[in-house]
Amino acid sequence: MIARAVAMQMGRELGQAVVVDNKPGAGTTIAADAVAKSAPDGYTLLLTDVTTHAINASLYPKLPYDTVRSFTPVGMVASTPLMLVVNAKSPAKTVQELIAQQKSKPGNFGSSGNGTIIHLAGAMLNNAGGIEPVHVPYRGSAPATNALLAGEIDFFFSSLPPALAQVKAGTLRALAVTTPQRVASAAEVPTMVEAGVPRFELVLYNGIVGPAGLPAPVVRKLNDTLAKVLASPEIKATYLQLGAEVVTTGNAEQFNRIVQREMAHYAPLVKSTGAKVE
């Protein structure tokens, strides 16, 4: 949803269509590999998140590309929390009740794929709560959400935009968000820390990158376009509805520093959970 909103506005600014091509699977590595191997002309870009650069480098022993050197940072786009959700029919109404439920009768939790931030969030809850539900990876967030709605899994750390829609419809129940503070679009939902899980904070950062070797004038053009897009009233209204926040960087180098910071932040988190993807 964020990709489509940004693409539409970029198309208007650039005077040409910007097409969103979904390539789910393998914890964003399929999409990332396709962009890494594309021509460095500015016409093929990746809407990336913290999974692609900060998590996969630690989760995967071998990737088909270099997490840093295979890409050219363009700019940040947004940040969103994850939302811990259960089926509306679940007896668990709080995070602590969910932990107690999983301790008494271990079940399973879903993710949008091995190695995603959603997988890591579930592994972190297992570690923090001393529970052992089985991880069930799906090919993207939508199939995982459908599995939760069908009662095939017990819980799921969803990205906020799709979770909000289901929570408002009354089909899912929100237990907590993973940001340090509550989010305005779901102010009644506590943070994981407020829900009794200390030091549990995850923020899903989104940005745009291209393949390595993008010419500097192209990067500047894309970065300038992105800045105009993110300042538009349309994007601000869309983000408010989705529970996302605008995150801008003055230039691509600032974005690159954020990527490096997040890699340093998530590497020990991945190690502490013991999560690995072959």
Protein backbone atom coordinates (compact mmCIF):
# COMPACT_ATOMS: atom_id res chain seq x y z
CA MET A 1 0.00 0.00 0.00
CA ILE A 2 2.87 2.35 0.78
CA ALA A 3 4.59 1.36 -2.46
CA ARG A 4 1.49 2.10 -4.52
CA ALA A 5 0.84 5.45 -2.85
CA VAL A 6 4.44 6.59 -3.38
CA ALA A 7 4.56 5.22 -6.94
CA MET A 8 1.44 7.12 -7.96
CA GLN A 9 2.81 10.42 -6.69
CA MET A 10 6.26 9.79 -8.18
CA GLY A 11 4.61 9.12 -11.53
CA ARG A 12 2.91 12.50 -11.40
CA GLU A 13 6.13 14.28 -10.51
CA LEU A 14 8.17 12.49 -13.19
CA GLY A 15 5.49 12.63 -15.86
CA GLN A 16 5.50 8.90 -16.52
CA ALA A 17 4.02 5.71 -15.09
CA VAL A 18 5.72 4.08 -12.12
CA VAL A 19 4.67 0.43 -11.95
CA VAL A 20 4.70 -1.61 -8.73
CA ASP A 21 5.76 -5.22 -9.38
CA ASN A 22 5.22 -7.42 -6.32
CA LYS A 23 7.89 -10.12 -5.94
CA PRO A 24 7.18 -11.83 -2.60
CA GLY A 25 9.09 -14.69 -1.06
CA ALA A 26 12.33 -15.66 0.70
CA GLY A 27 12.24 -12.75 3.13
CA THR A 28 12.46 -10.06 0.39
CA THR A 29 15.56 -11.68 -1.16
CA ILE A 30 13.80 -12.56 -4.43
CA ALA A 31 12.84 -8.94 -5.07
CA ALA A 32 16.20 -7.65 -3.85
CA ASP A 33 18.13 -10.04 -6.09
CA ALA A 34 16.09 -8.98 -9.13
CA VAL A 35 16.90 -5.31 -8.51
CA ALA A 36 20.57 -5.99 -7.68
CA LYS A 37 20.98 -7.67 -11.07
CA SER A 38 19.09 -4.98 -13.05
CA ALA A 39 20.66 -2.22 -15.14
CA PRO A 40 21.81 0.80 -13.08
CA ASP A 41 19.75 3.29 -15.05
CA GLY A 42 17.22 4.40 -12.43
CA TYR A 43 14.30 2.58 -14.03
CA THR A 44 14.31 -0.42 -11.67
CA LEU A 45 14.09 0.34 -7.97
CA LEU A 46 13.34 -1.57 -4.78
CA LEU A 47 11.04 -0.51 -1.97
CA THR A 48 13.15 -2.04 0.75
CA ASP A 49 12.69 -2.37 4.47
CA VAL A 50 14.79 -3.23 7.49
CA THR A 51 14.48 -6.94 6.62
CA THR A 52 16.37 -6.67 3.34
CA HIS A 53 19.51 -4.94 4.59
CA ALA A 54 19.63 -5.04 8.38
CA ILE A 55 18.23 -8.52 9.13
CA ASN A 56 18.93 -10.81 6.18
CA ALA A 57 22.68 -10.19 6.39
CA SER A 58 22.62 -11.93 9.79
CA LEU A 59 19.89 -14.50 9.11
CA TYR A 60 21.14 -15.92 5.82
CA PRO A 61 24.59 -17.57 5.75
CA LYS A 62 24.76 -16.89 1.99
CA LEU A 63 22.89 -14.35 -0.15
CA PRO A 64 22.98 -14.00 -3.97
CA TYR A 65 24.05 -10.37 -3.55
CA ASP A 66 26.01 -8.18 -1.16
CA THR A 67 23.65 -6.48 1.28
CA VAL A 68 25.46 -3.14 1.00
CA ARG A 69 27.66 -3.11 -2.11
CA SER A 70 24.99 -4.42 -4.51
CA PHE A 71 22.69 -1.42 -4.00
CA THR A 72 22.62 2.36 -4.26
CA PRO A 73 20.58 4.11 -1.54
CA VAL A 74 18.10 6.69 -2.83
CA GLY A 75 16.05 7.81 0.17
CA MET A 76 13.82 6.90 3.09
CA VAL A 77 10.05 6.66 2.63
CA ALA A 78 8.26 5.68 5.85
CA SER A 79 8.30 3.94 9.19
CA THR A 80 5.56 1.73 10.58
CA PRO A 81 5.22 -0.46 13.65
CA LEU A 82 4.33 -4.10 13.62
CA MET A 83 1.09 -5.07 15.33
CA LEU A 84 0.70 -8.30 17.28
CA VAL A 85 -2.71 -9.69 16.28
CA VAL A 86 -4.80 -12.75 17.03
CA ASN A 87 -8.07 -13.99 15.62
CA ALA A 88 -11.00 -12.07 17.11
CA LYS A 89 -12.29 -15.43 18.44
CA SER A 90 -9.06 -16.13 20.34
CA PRO A 91 -9.40 -16.31 24.14
CA ALA A 92 -6.20 -14.23 24.45
CA LYS A 93 -7.08 -10.59 25.02
CA THR A 94 -3.63 -9.41 26.17
CA VAL A 95 -0.02 -10.28 25.38
CA GLN A 96 0.37 -11.93 28.77
CA GLU A 97 -2.71 -14.07 28.17
CA LEU A 98 -1.27 -15.12 24.80
CA ILE A 99 2.02 -16.09 26.46
CA ALA A 100 0.17 -18.07 29.14
CA GLN A 101 -1.88 -19.79 26.43
CA GLN A 102 1.25 -20.79 24.51
CA LYS A 103 2.94 -22.06 27.66
CA SER A 104 0.01 -24.31 28.56
CA LYS A 105 -0.61 -25.50 25.00
CA PRO A 106 2.06 -24.56 22.43
CA GLY A 107 0.63 -23.75 19.03
CA ASN A 108 2.07 -21.85 16.09
CA PHE A 109 2.67 -18.37 14.74
CA GLY A 110 2.81 -17.11 11.19
CA SER A 111 5.11 -14.81 9.27
CA SER A 112 5.41 -13.36 5.80
CA GLY A 113 8.39 -15.61 5.15
CA ASN A 114 11.59 -16.95 6.65
CA GLY A 115 13.94 -14.17 7.60
CA THR A 116 11.48 -11.28 7.53
CA ILE A 117 11.19 -8.80 10.37
CA ILE A 118 7.84 -10.46 11.13
CA HIS A 119 9.64 -13.79 11.59
CA LEU A 120 12.18 -12.07 13.84
CA ALA A 121 9.42 -10.46 15.91
CA GLY A 122 7.84 -13.84 16.56
CA ALA A 123 11.20 -15.36 17.48
CA MET A 124 11.82 -12.44 19.87
CA LEU A 125 8.48 -13.03 21.59
CA ASN A 126 9.26 -16.73 21.91
CA ASN A 127 12.59 -15.86 23.50
CA ALA A 128 11.19 -13.17 25.82
CA GLY A 129 8.12 -15.13 26.88
CA GLY A 130 9.76 -18.54 27.21
CA ILE A 131 7.31 -20.09 24.74
CA GLU A 132 7.81 -22.52 21.86
CA PRO A 133 5.10 -22.15 19.19
CA VAL A 134 6.04 -23.50 15.76
CA HIS A 135 6.95 -20.94 13.10
CA VAL A 136 4.85 -21.23 9.93
CA PRO A 137 6.25 -19.08 7.08
CA TYR A 138 3.93 -17.91 4.30
CA ARG A 139 4.65 -16.30 0.95
CA GLY A 140 3.87 -12.74 2.00
CA SER A 141 1.73 -11.00 4.61
CA ALA A 142 -1.64 -11.52 2.91
CA PRO A 143 -1.50 -15.36 3.05
CA ALA A 144 -0.37 -15.18 6.70
CA THR A 145 -3.28 -12.87 7.54
CA ASN A 146 -5.70 -15.21 5.77
CA ALA A 147 -4.28 -18.13 7.77
CA LEU A 148 -4.89 -16.25 11.01
CA LEU A 149 -8.44 -15.41 9.94
CA ALA A 150 -9.01 -19.09 9.13
CA GLY A 151 -7.69 -20.20 12.53
CA GLU A 152 -4.69 -22.03 11.09
CA ILE A 153 -2.20 -20.09 13.23
CA ASP A 154 -2.45 -18.58 16.72
CA PHE A 155 -0.81 -15.18 16.27
CA PHE A 156 1.06 -13.01 13.81
CA PHE A 157 3.12 -9.81 13.92
CA SER A 158 1.54 -8.01 11.00
CA SER A 159 2.71 -4.81 9.37
CA LEU A 160 0.32 -2.13 10.54
CA PRO A 161 -1.62 -1.10 7.40
CA PRO A 162 -3.27 -4.47 6.63
CA ALA A 163 -3.70 -5.29 10.32
CA LEU A 164 -5.58 -2.05 11.02
CA ALA A 165 -8.18 -2.82 8.38
CA GLN A 166 -8.93 -6.25 9.87
CA VAL A 167 -8.92 -4.94 13.45
CA LYS A 168 -11.38 -2.19 12.54
CA ALA A 169 -13.54 -4.78 10.77
CA GLY A 170 -13.63 -6.83 13.98
CA THR A 171 -12.07 -9.96 12.47
CA LEU A 172 -8.71 -9.61 14.23
CA ARG A 173 -7.81 -8.41 17.73
CA ALA A 174 -4.81 -6.17 18.30
CA LEU A 175 -2.74 -7.00 21.39
CA ALA A 176 0.20 -4.58 21.04
CA VAL A 177 2.39 -2.53 18.70
CA THR A 178 6.16 -2.83 18.55
CA THR A 179 7.15 0.85 18.50
CA PRO A 180 8.46 2.70 21.59
CA GLN A 181 5.29 4.82 21.67
CA ARG A 182 1.68 4.10 20.79
CA VAL A 183 0.52 5.02 17.30
CA ALA A 184 -2.14 7.64 16.65
CA SER A 185 -4.21 5.42 14.35
CA ALA A 186 -4.55 2.78 17.08
CA ALA A 187 -4.10 4.81 20.27
CA GLU A 188 -5.96 2.27 22.39
CA VAL A 189 -3.42 -0.48 21.61
CA PRO A 190 -0.49 -0.68 24.08
CA THR A 191 3.15 -1.04 23.13
CA MET A 192 4.84 -4.38 23.73
CA VAL A 193 6.74 -2.81 26.63
CA GLU A 194 3.49 -1.54 28.16
CA ALA A 195 2.08 -5.03 27.66
CA GLY A 196 4.78 -6.47 29.90
CA VAL A 197 7.53 -7.48 27.47
CA PRO A 198 10.63 -5.39 28.38
CA ARG A 199 12.96 -4.03 25.69
CA PHE A 200 10.73 -5.26 22.86
CA GLU A 201 10.95 -2.59 20.16
CA LEU A 202 10.90 -3.04 16.40
CA VAL A 203 10.28 -0.37 13.78
CA LEU A 204 9.77 -1.23 10.12
CA TYR A 205 11.67 1.35 8.06
CA ASN A 206 10.99 1.59 4.34
CA GLY A 207 13.27 3.18 1.80
CA ILE A 208 14.06 3.11 -1.91
CA VAL A 209 17.27 1.71 -3.36
CA GLY A 210 18.52 0.95 -6.84
CA PRO A 211 21.21 -1.39 -8.12
CA ALA A 212 24.85 -0.57 -7.51
CA GLY A 213 26.34 2.00 -9.84
CA LEU A 214 23.39 4.37 -10.19
CA PRO A 215 24.79 7.64 -11.62
CA ALA A 216 24.85 10.51 -9.11
CA PRO A 217 22.55 12.76 -11.21
CA VAL A 218 19.96 9.98 -11.34
CA VAL A 219 20.15 9.49 -7.57
CA ARG A 220 19.73 13.24 -7.00
CA LYS A 221 16.74 13.36 -9.38
CA LEU A 222 15.05 10.45 -7.63
CA ASN A 223 15.85 11.81 -4.16
CA ASP A 224 14.48 15.25 -5.05
CA THR A 225 11.34 13.67 -6.51
CA LEU A 226 10.88 11.56 -3.40
CA ALA A 227 11.16 14.64 -1.17
CA LYS A 228 8.36 16.36 -3.12
CA VAL A 229 6.20 13.24 -2.97
CA LEU A 230 6.57 12.82 0.79
CA ALA A 231 5.68 16.48 1.38
CA SER A 232 2.42 16.17 -0.56
CA PRO A 233 -0.94 16.31 1.29
CA GLU A 234 -2.01 13.11 -0.49
CA ILE A 235 0.84 11.07 0.96
CA LYS A 236 0.38 12.54 4.43
CA ALA A 237 -3.33 11.62 4.34
CA THR A 238 -2.58 8.10 3.07
CA TYR A 239 0.08 7.52 5.71
CA LEU A 240 -2.26 8.70 8.47
CA GLN A 241 -4.85 6.18 7.32
CA LEU A 242 -2.25 3.41 7.19
CA GLY A 243 -0.66 4.22 10.54
CA ALA A 244 2.66 5.06 8.87
CA GLU A 245 4.93 8.03 9.46
CA VAL A 246 6.84 10.00 6.85
CA VAL A 247 10.60 9.58 7.21
CA THR A 248 12.73 11.70 4.93
CA THR A 249 16.47 11.97 4.40
CA GLY A 250 18.08 15.06 2.93
CA ASN A 251 20.23 12.97 0.60
CA ALA A 252 21.11 9.39 -0.26
CA GLU A 253 24.20 9.36 1.98
CA GLN A 254 22.05 10.05 5.05
CA PHE A 255 19.90 7.08 4.09
CA ASN A 256 23.03 4.96 3.76
CA ARG A 257 24.07 5.88 7.31
CA ILE A 258 20.64 4.79 8.58
CA VAL A 259 21.03 1.43 6.81
CA GLN A 260 24.43 0.92 8.46
CA ARG A 261 23.00 1.86 11.87
CA GLU A 262 20.11 -0.58 11.51
CA MET A 263 22.45 -3.40 10.48
CA ALA A 264 24.46 -2.87 13.66
CA HIS A 265 21.25 -2.76 15.70
CA TYR A 266 19.61 -5.92 14.36
CA ALA A 267 22.61 -8.24 14.12
CA PRO A 268 22.71 -8.91 17.90
CA LEU A 269 18.91 -9.21 18.01
CA VAL A 270 18.99 -11.92 15.35
CA LYS A 271 21.79 -13.71 17.21
CA SER A 272 19.90 -13.58 20.52
CA THR A 273 16.85 -15.30 19.05
CA GLY A 274 18.88 -18.07 17.44
CA ALA A 275 16.88 -17.60 14.22
CA LYS A 276 18.59 -18.91 11.08
CA VAL A 277 17.46 -19.43 7.49
CA GLU A 278 19.26 -21.88 5.24
